[in-house]
Amino acid sequence: MTPDDATPCVNALDDLEKRLRAVVDRHMTADPSHDIDHLARVWRSARDIAESLDEPPSPAETRVDRAVLLAACYLHDLVNLPKDHPERHRASRMAADAARPVLGELGFDSQRLEAVCHAIEAHSFSAGLRPRTLEAAILQDADRLEALGAIGLARLFHVAGQMGGRLFDPGDFHGRARPLDDRKFAIDHVRLKLHRLADSMNTARGRELARARLAFVSTFVDRLEAEVVAAE
C-alpha cells in the first residue's frame, strides 16, 4: 500500500484495511459499542457517502482521498473515554495524537497524516469542531449514523447499562414535566440529540441515511411507549 497515491486501487485499500485492523486489534477495549465491528461499519457508511459524491455531475473538489478516509475510520476511536468521563470532550484529540505514530509507520506523508488526524479530531460530537475537509465531513456523518437506526438503539441501551441508567422514566416517558437527562434515562437521548442529528449531517447522502434511520428510531420509541402504557 502506498498512501501517497491519490486514488489507491482496491487491492491497496484492502491491504491498508488489514494493516489498520491489526493495529486497532491491539488497542481496542472490550466495549462492544466501540469495537472493531463499529469501525468496520463506519468505514462501510463512509464508503457509501464517498461513492455518492463521486457520481456526476459532482465537481472536482468533491474528490475523496480514500486512504485518508479509511485510516480515519479505523483510527477515530483509538482513544475512547466513557460518556460520563470528565475528559470525554478531549477523547477525539487524544485519539488523533495516538494515531500519529501509527500513520507514520504505515507510510503516510505529513499532509495526509494531518488530514487523517483532523478528521479524527473533528468526528466527535463532544469535541464541537467543524470539519474542514471532505474526508472529515464524511467521517463525522458516518460515525453519527451509528447513533441512529437499530444499531444506534442497541448501542444506546448498552451505554445506558454501563452508566447504570434506566431505559426510560415510567412516570414521565417523554420527560414533559421534568428536565431531560439521558444519563438517567436512555430514551431521553432520542429527544435530546437524535431528533436533530439528521439535520446536522454534512452531506446529502448522510442526511438521507440519517432520516431513514431516525424514522426507525421514532417507530421504536412509539412502540415502546405503547407497550409500557399497556403494561400499566
C-alpha atoms as a PDB file:
ATOM      1  CA  MET A   1       0.000   0.000   0.000  1.00  0.00           C
ATOM      2  CA  THR A   2       1.257   3.457  -0.902  1.00  0.00           C
ATOM      3  CA  PRO A   3      -0.840   6.016   0.983  1.00  0.00           C
ATOM      4  CA  ASP A   4       0.754   8.746  -1.121  1.00  0.00           C
ATOM      5  CA  ASP A   5      -1.297   7.597  -4.115  1.00  0.00           C
ATOM      6  CA  ALA A   6      -4.247   9.964  -4.552  1.00  0.00           C
ATOM      7  CA  THR A   7      -6.577   7.221  -5.763  1.00  0.00           C
ATOM      8  CA  PRO A   8      -5.250   3.909  -4.438  1.00  0.00           C
ATOM      9  CA  CYS A   9      -6.561   0.776  -6.126  1.00  0.00           C
ATOM     10  CA  VAL A  10      -8.991  -1.561  -4.401  1.00  0.00           C
ATOM     11  CA  ASN A  11      -6.248  -4.060  -3.573  1.00  0.00           C
ATOM     12  CA  ALA A  12      -4.127  -1.323  -1.998  1.00  0.00           C
ATOM     13  CA  LEU A  13      -7.060  -0.188   0.147  1.00  0.00           C
ATOM     14  CA  ASP A  14      -7.746  -3.788   1.160  1.00  0.00           C
ATOM     15  CA  ASP A  15      -4.123  -4.142   2.241  1.00  0.00           C
ATOM     16  CA  LEU A  16      -4.280  -0.891   4.217  1.00  0.00           C
ATOM     17  CA  GLU A  17      -7.501  -2.015   5.891  1.00  0.00           C
ATOM     18  CA  LYS A  18      -5.868  -5.282   7.001  1.00  0.00           C
ATOM     19  CA  ARG A  19      -2.944  -3.378   8.481  1.00  0.00           C
ATOM     20  CA  LEU A  20      -5.251  -0.931  10.246  1.00  0.00           C
ATOM     21  CA  ARG A  21      -7.334  -3.761  11.682  1.00  0.00           C
ATOM     22  CA  ALA A  22      -4.160  -5.353  13.043  1.00  0.00           C
ATOM     23  CA  VAL A  23      -3.282  -2.070  14.755  1.00  0.00           C
ATOM     24  CA  VAL A  24      -6.685  -1.463  16.327  1.00  0.00           C
ATOM     25  CA  ASP A  25      -6.937  -5.099  17.430  1.00  0.00           C
ATOM     26  CA  ARG A  26      -4.055  -4.326  19.782  1.00  0.00           C
ATOM     27  CA  HIS A  27      -5.585  -1.123  21.127  1.00  0.00           C
ATOM     28  CA  MET A  28      -9.355  -1.606  21.239  1.00  0.00           C
ATOM     29  CA  THR A  29     -11.141  -2.082  24.530  1.00  0.00           C
ATOM     30  CA  ALA A  30     -13.805  -4.698  25.183  1.00  0.00           C
ATOM     31  CA  ASP A  31     -16.570  -2.103  24.778  1.00  0.00           C
ATOM     32  CA  PRO A  32     -18.952  -3.589  22.157  1.00  0.00           C
ATOM     33  CA  SER A  33     -20.334  -0.152  21.288  1.00  0.00           C
ATOM     34  CA  HIS A  34     -16.864   0.958  20.150  1.00  0.00           C
ATOM     35  CA  ASP A  35     -15.307  -2.292  18.949  1.00  0.00           C
ATOM     36  CA  ILE A  36     -13.747  -3.221  15.626  1.00  0.00           C
ATOM     37  CA  ASP A  37     -17.177  -4.051  14.200  1.00  0.00           C
ATOM     38  CA  HIS A  38     -18.188  -0.444  14.884  1.00  0.00           C
ATOM     39  CA  LEU A  39     -15.105   0.747  12.977  1.00  0.00           C
ATOM     40  CA  ALA A  40     -15.911  -1.525  10.028  1.00  0.00           C
ATOM     41  CA  ARG A  41     -19.497  -0.231   9.905  1.00  0.00           C
ATOM     42  CA  VAL A  42     -18.284   3.371   9.984  1.00  0.00           C
ATOM     43  CA  TRP A  43     -15.964   2.616   7.054  1.00  0.00           C
ATOM     44  CA  ARG A  44     -18.829   0.973   5.147  1.00  0.00           C
ATOM     45  CA  SER A  45     -21.059   4.017   5.651  1.00  0.00           C
ATOM     46  CA  ALA A  46     -18.190   6.361   4.786  1.00  0.00           C
ATOM     47  CA  ARG A  47     -17.608   4.463   1.531  1.00  0.00           C
ATOM     48  CA  ASP A  48     -21.302   4.773   0.694  1.00  0.00           C
ATOM     49  CA  ILE A  49     -21.220   8.530   1.256  1.00  0.00           C
ATOM     50  CA  ALA A  50     -17.954   8.928  -0.677  1.00  0.00           C
ATOM     51  CA  GLU A  51     -19.371   6.998  -3.633  1.00  0.00           C
ATOM     52  CA  SER A  52     -22.408   9.298  -3.707  1.00  0.00           C
ATOM     53  CA  LEU A  53     -20.029  12.247  -4.084  1.00  0.00           C
ATOM     54  CA  ASP A  54     -18.281  10.532  -6.999  1.00  0.00           C
ATOM     55  CA  GLU A  55     -21.476  10.452  -9.051  1.00  0.00           C
ATOM     56  CA  PRO A  56     -21.785  13.008 -11.867  1.00  0.00           C
ATOM     57  CA  PRO A  57     -22.214  15.926 -12.020  1.00  0.00           C
ATOM     58  CA  SER A  58     -20.071  16.144  -8.888  1.00  0.00           C
ATOM     59  CA  PRO A  59     -17.396  18.868  -9.094  1.00  0.00           C
ATOM     60  CA  ALA A  60     -13.700  18.024  -8.946  1.00  0.00           C
ATOM     61  CA  GLU A  61     -13.375  19.382  -5.404  1.00  0.00           C
ATOM     62  CA  THR A  62     -15.557  16.523  -4.126  1.00  0.00           C
ATOM     63  CA  ARG A  63     -12.824  14.001  -4.893  1.00  0.00           C
ATOM     64  CA  VAL A  64     -12.352  11.939  -1.745  1.00  0.00           C
ATOM     65  CA  ASP A  65      -8.951  10.637  -0.635  1.00  0.00           C
ATOM     66  CA  ARG A  66      -9.921   7.046   0.152  1.00  0.00           C
ATOM     67  CA  ALA A  67      -6.694   6.256   2.020  1.00  0.00           C
ATOM     68  CA  VAL A  68      -7.193   9.228   4.354  1.00  0.00           C
ATOM     69  CA  LEU A  69     -10.842   8.317   4.869  1.00  0.00           C
ATOM     70  CA  LEU A  70     -10.114   4.640   5.525  1.00  0.00           C
ATOM     71  CA  ALA A  71      -7.406   5.407   8.078  1.00  0.00           C
ATOM     72  CA  ALA A  72      -9.589   7.965   9.844  1.00  0.00           C
ATOM     73  CA  CYS A  73     -12.478   5.496  10.071  1.00  0.00           C
ATOM     74  CA  TYR A  74     -10.369   2.794  11.682  1.00  0.00           C
ATOM     75  CA  LEU A  75      -8.351   5.046  13.999  1.00  0.00           C
ATOM     76  CA  HIS A  76     -11.019   7.511  15.165  1.00  0.00           C
ATOM     77  CA  ASP A  77     -11.675   5.633  18.426  1.00  0.00           C
ATOM     78  CA  LEU A  78      -8.069   4.761  19.196  1.00  0.00           C
ATOM     79  CA  VAL A  79      -8.692   6.574  22.474  1.00  0.00           C
ATOM     80  CA  ASN A  80     -12.267   6.185  23.690  1.00  0.00           C
ATOM     81  CA  LEU A  81     -13.463   7.549  27.023  1.00  0.00           C
ATOM     82  CA  PRO A  82     -16.802   6.687  28.665  1.00  0.00           C
ATOM     83  CA  LYS A  83     -19.670   9.104  28.132  1.00  0.00           C
ATOM     84  CA  ASP A  84     -19.554  10.205  31.766  1.00  0.00           C
ATOM     85  CA  HIS A  85     -15.764  10.678  31.866  1.00  0.00           C
ATOM     86  CA  PRO A  86     -14.713  14.266  32.748  1.00  0.00           C
ATOM     87  CA  GLU A  87     -12.239  14.320  29.834  1.00  0.00           C
ATOM     88  CA  ARG A  88     -14.732  12.945  27.297  1.00  0.00           C
ATOM     89  CA  HIS A  89     -14.605  16.153  25.220  1.00  0.00           C
ATOM     90  CA  ARG A  90     -10.856  15.604  24.692  1.00  0.00           C
ATOM     91  CA  ALA A  91     -11.084  11.977  23.569  1.00  0.00           C
ATOM     92  CA  SER A  92     -11.015  12.686  19.832  1.00  0.00           C
ATOM     93  CA  ARG A  93      -7.938  14.917  20.191  1.00  0.00           C
ATOM     94  CA  MET A  94      -6.251  12.205  22.234  1.00  0.00           C
ATOM     95  CA  ALA A  95      -7.160   9.659  19.541  1.00  0.00           C
ATOM     96  CA  ALA A  96      -5.657  11.908  16.857  1.00  0.00           C
ATOM     97  CA  ASP A  97      -2.426  12.197  18.850  1.00  0.00           C
ATOM     98  CA  ALA A  98      -2.315   8.420  19.325  1.00  0.00           C
ATOM     99  CA  ALA A  99      -2.842   7.919  15.583  1.00  0.00           C
ATOM    100  CA  ARG A 100       0.210   9.975  14.528  1.00  0.00           C
ATOM    101  CA  PRO A 101       2.907   7.327  15.156  1.00  0.00           C
ATOM    102  CA  VAL A 102       0.658   4.648  13.652  1.00  0.00           C
ATOM    103  CA  LEU A 103       0.194   6.664  10.469  1.00  0.00           C
ATOM    104  CA  GLY A 104       3.932   7.299  10.289  1.00  0.00           C
ATOM    105  CA  GLU A 105       4.608   3.576  10.476  1.00  0.00           C
ATOM    106  CA  LEU A 106       2.051   2.994   7.722  1.00  0.00           C
ATOM    107  CA  GLY A 107       3.907   5.384   5.415  1.00  0.00           C
ATOM    108  CA  PHE A 108       1.530   8.354   5.357  1.00  0.00           C
ATOM    109  CA  ASP A 109       3.245  11.585   4.313  1.00  0.00           C
ATOM    110  CA  SER A 110       2.862  14.669   6.515  1.00  0.00           C
ATOM    111  CA  GLN A 111      -0.001  16.172   4.501  1.00  0.00           C
ATOM    112  CA  ARG A 112      -2.147  13.059   4.587  1.00  0.00           C
ATOM    113  CA  LEU A 113      -1.172  12.343   8.184  1.00  0.00           C
ATOM    114  CA  GLU A 114      -2.513  15.748   9.212  1.00  0.00           C
ATOM    115  CA  ALA A 115      -5.652  15.170   7.130  1.00  0.00           C
ATOM    116  CA  VAL A 116      -6.355  11.913   8.956  1.00  0.00           C
ATOM    117  CA  CYS A 117      -5.697  13.493  12.345  1.00  0.00           C
ATOM    118  CA  HIS A 118      -8.015  16.421  11.610  1.00  0.00           C
ATOM    119  CA  ALA A 119     -10.790  14.019  10.575  1.00  0.00           C
ATOM    120  CA  ILE A 120     -10.325  12.031  13.783  1.00  0.00           C
ATOM    121  CA  GLU A 121     -10.321  15.126  15.976  1.00  0.00           C
ATOM    122  CA  ALA A 122     -13.398  16.636  14.293  1.00  0.00           C
ATOM    123  CA  HIS A 123     -15.530  13.482  14.231  1.00  0.00           C
ATOM    124  CA  SER A 124     -16.702  13.676  17.840  1.00  0.00           C
ATOM    125  CA  PHE A 125     -19.971  15.336  18.821  1.00  0.00           C
ATOM    126  CA  SER A 126     -18.397  16.160  22.196  1.00  0.00           C
ATOM    127  CA  ALA A 127     -15.436  17.986  20.626  1.00  0.00           C
ATOM    128  CA  GLY A 128     -17.707  20.521  18.920  1.00  0.00           C
ATOM    129  CA  LEU A 129     -15.358  21.019  15.937  1.00  0.00           C
ATOM    130  CA  ARG A 130     -16.448  21.746  12.375  1.00  0.00           C
ATOM    131  CA  PRO A 131     -14.816  19.558   9.698  1.00  0.00           C
ATOM    132  CA  ARG A 132     -12.515  21.487   7.371  1.00  0.00           C
ATOM    133  CA  THR A 133     -12.051  18.734   4.786  1.00  0.00           C
ATOM    134  CA  LEU A 134     -14.323  16.451   2.816  1.00  0.00           C
ATOM    135  CA  GLU A 135     -12.879  13.368   4.493  1.00  0.00           C
ATOM    136  CA  ALA A 136     -13.550  14.852   7.943  1.00  0.00           C
ATOM    137  CA  ALA A 137     -17.123  15.710   6.964  1.00  0.00           C
ATOM    138  CA  ILE A 138     -17.727  12.174   5.708  1.00  0.00           C
ATOM    139  CA  LEU A 139     -16.270  10.549   8.826  1.00  0.00           C
ATOM    140  CA  GLN A 140     -18.403  12.784  11.038  1.00  0.00           C
ATOM    141  CA  ASP A 141     -21.534  11.743   9.125  1.00  0.00           C
ATOM    142  CA  ALA A 142     -20.611   8.051   9.076  1.00  0.00           C
ATOM    143  CA  ASP A 143     -19.886   7.954  12.800  1.00  0.00           C
ATOM    144  CA  ARG A 144     -23.094   9.812  13.655  1.00  0.00           C
ATOM    145  CA  LEU A 145     -25.093   7.292  11.640  1.00  0.00           C
ATOM    146  CA  GLU A 146     -24.008   4.745  14.249  1.00  0.00           C
ATOM    147  CA  ALA A 147     -26.180   6.607  16.785  1.00  0.00           C
ATOM    148  CA  LEU A 148     -29.299   6.024  14.675  1.00  0.00           C
ATOM    149  CA  GLY A 149     -31.332   3.065  13.461  1.00  0.00           C
ATOM    150  CA  ALA A 150     -31.355  -0.376  15.052  1.00  0.00           C
ATOM    151  CA  ILE A 151     -27.623  -0.358  15.736  1.00  0.00           C
ATOM    152  CA  GLY A 152     -27.906   3.078  17.311  1.00  0.00           C
ATOM    153  CA  LEU A 153     -30.575   1.880  19.725  1.00  0.00           C
ATOM    154  CA  ALA A 154     -28.544  -1.223  20.592  1.00  0.00           C
ATOM    155  CA  ARG A 155     -25.523   0.944  21.363  1.00  0.00           C
ATOM    156  CA  LEU A 156     -27.647   3.461  23.275  1.00  0.00           C
ATOM    157  CA  PHE A 157     -29.041   0.839  25.636  1.00  0.00           C
ATOM    158  CA  HIS A 158     -25.630  -0.745  26.088  1.00  0.00           C
ATOM    159  CA  VAL A 159     -24.081   2.576  27.122  1.00  0.00           C
ATOM    160  CA  ALA A 160     -27.023   3.296  29.433  1.00  0.00           C
ATOM    161  CA  GLY A 161     -26.432  -0.048  31.132  1.00  0.00           C
ATOM    162  CA  GLN A 162     -22.736   0.722  31.550  1.00  0.00           C
ATOM    163  CA  MET A 163     -23.615   4.012  33.243  1.00  0.00           C
ATOM    164  CA  GLY A 164     -26.219   2.436  35.492  1.00  0.00           C
ATOM    165  CA  GLY A 165     -29.078   4.314  33.834  1.00  0.00           C
ATOM    166  CA  ARG A 166     -32.651   3.178  33.316  1.00  0.00           C
ATOM    167  CA  LEU A 167     -34.255   2.537  29.925  1.00  0.00           C
ATOM    168  CA  PHE A 168     -36.976   5.158  30.475  1.00  0.00           C
ATOM    169  CA  ASP A 169     -38.886   7.050  33.146  1.00  0.00           C
ATOM    170  CA  PRO A 170     -42.075   5.036  33.746  1.00  0.00           C
ATOM    171  CA  GLY A 171     -43.749   8.045  35.356  1.00  0.00           C
ATOM    172  CA  ASP A 172     -42.943  10.503  32.557  1.00  0.00           C
ATOM    173  CA  PHE A 173     -41.890   8.606  29.434  1.00  0.00           C
ATOM    174  CA  HIS A 174     -41.279  11.707  27.266  1.00  0.00           C
ATOM    175  CA  GLY A 175     -39.918  13.922  30.036  1.00  0.00           C
ATOM    176  CA  ARG A 176     -42.604  16.560  29.601  1.00  0.00           C
ATOM    177  CA  ALA A 177     -42.709  17.513  33.286  1.00  0.00           C
ATOM    178  CA  ARG A 178     -39.007  17.168  34.094  1.00  0.00           C
ATOM    179  CA  PRO A 179     -35.644  18.096  32.587  1.00  0.00           C
ATOM    180  CA  LEU A 180     -34.461  15.558  30.026  1.00  0.00           C
ATOM    181  CA  ASP A 181     -31.498  13.571  31.327  1.00  0.00           C
ATOM    182  CA  ASP A 182     -30.011  10.851  29.127  1.00  0.00           C
ATOM    183  CA  ARG A 183     -27.624   9.787  31.878  1.00  0.00           C
ATOM    184  CA  LYS A 184     -30.600   8.708  33.957  1.00  0.00           C
ATOM    185  CA  PHE A 185     -32.971   7.572  31.196  1.00  0.00           C
ATOM    186  CA  ALA A 186     -31.733   6.179  27.874  1.00  0.00           C
ATOM    187  CA  ILE A 187     -34.841   7.156  25.889  1.00  0.00           C
ATOM    188  CA  ASP A 188     -34.287  10.820  26.800  1.00  0.00           C
ATOM    189  CA  HIS A 189     -31.286  10.715  24.449  1.00  0.00           C
ATOM    190  CA  VAL A 190     -33.656  10.456  21.490  1.00  0.00           C
ATOM    191  CA  ARG A 191     -35.221  13.844  22.191  1.00  0.00           C
ATOM    192  CA  LEU A 192     -32.025  15.441  23.482  1.00  0.00           C
ATOM    193  CA  LYS A 193     -29.814  14.623  20.487  1.00  0.00           C
ATOM    194  CA  LEU A 194     -31.080  12.075  17.996  1.00  0.00           C
ATOM    195  CA  HIS A 195     -34.072  14.056  16.728  1.00  0.00           C
ATOM    196  CA  ARG A 196     -31.770  16.807  15.446  1.00  0.00           C
ATOM    197  CA  LEU A 197     -28.921  14.594  14.295  1.00  0.00           C
ATOM    198  CA  ALA A 198     -30.172  14.139  10.725  1.00  0.00           C
ATOM    199  CA  ASP A 199     -30.219  17.886  10.103  1.00  0.00           C
ATOM    200  CA  SER A 200     -26.629  18.192  11.354  1.00  0.00           C
ATOM    201  CA  MET A 201     -25.248  15.902   8.641  1.00  0.00           C
ATOM    202  CA  ASN A 202     -22.710  17.437   6.275  1.00  0.00           C
ATOM    203  CA  THR A 203     -23.607  15.533   3.096  1.00  0.00           C
ATOM    204  CA  ALA A 204     -26.820  14.901   1.186  1.00  0.00           C
ATOM    205  CA  ARG A 205     -26.298  11.134   1.372  1.00  0.00           C
ATOM    206  CA  GLY A 206     -25.585  11.370   5.083  1.00  0.00           C
ATOM    207  CA  ARG A 207     -28.863  13.229   5.627  1.00  0.00           C
ATOM    208  CA  GLU A 208     -30.749  10.693   3.527  1.00  0.00           C
ATOM    209  CA  LEU A 209     -29.397   7.740   5.506  1.00  0.00           C
ATOM    210  CA  ALA A 210     -29.862   9.530   8.828  1.00  0.00           C
ATOM    211  CA  ARG A 211     -33.505  10.387   8.150  1.00  0.00           C
ATOM    212  CA  ALA A 212     -34.295   6.781   7.252  1.00  0.00           C
ATOM    213  CA  ARG A 213     -32.665   5.546  10.449  1.00  0.00           C
ATOM    214  CA  LEU A 214     -34.314   8.247  12.548  1.00  0.00           C
ATOM    215  CA  ALA A 215     -37.704   7.127  11.227  1.00  0.00           C
ATOM    216  CA  PHE A 216     -36.979   3.657  12.606  1.00  0.00           C
ATOM    217  CA  VAL A 217     -35.959   5.126  15.966  1.00  0.00           C
ATOM    218  CA  SER A 218     -39.215   7.105  16.145  1.00  0.00           C
ATOM    219  CA  THR A 219     -41.244   3.995  15.312  1.00  0.00           C
ATOM    220  CA  PHE A 220     -39.410   2.043  18.004  1.00  0.00           C
ATOM    221  CA  VAL A 221     -39.997   4.728  20.643  1.00  0.00           C
ATOM    222  CA  ASP A 222     -43.714   4.831  19.794  1.00  0.00           C
ATOM    223  CA  ARG A 223     -43.918   1.053  20.075  1.00  0.00           C
ATOM    224  CA  LEU A 224     -42.014   1.037  23.360  1.00  0.00           C
ATOM    225  CA  GLU A 225     -44.332   3.669  24.811  1.00  0.00           C
ATOM    226  CA  ALA A 226     -47.376   1.664  23.713  1.00  0.00           C
ATOM    227  CA  GLU A 227     -46.037  -1.452  25.411  1.00  0.00           C
ATOM    228  CA  VAL A 228     -45.197   0.457  28.584  1.00  0.00           C
ATOM    229  CA  VAL A 229     -48.668   2.003  28.724  1.00  0.00           C
ATOM    230  CA  ALA A 230     -50.265  -1.381  28.022  1.00  0.00           C
ATOM    231  CA  ALA A 231     -48.293  -2.921  30.885  1.00  0.00           C
ATOM    232  CA  GLU A 232     -49.547  -0.401  33.440  1.00  0.00           C
END
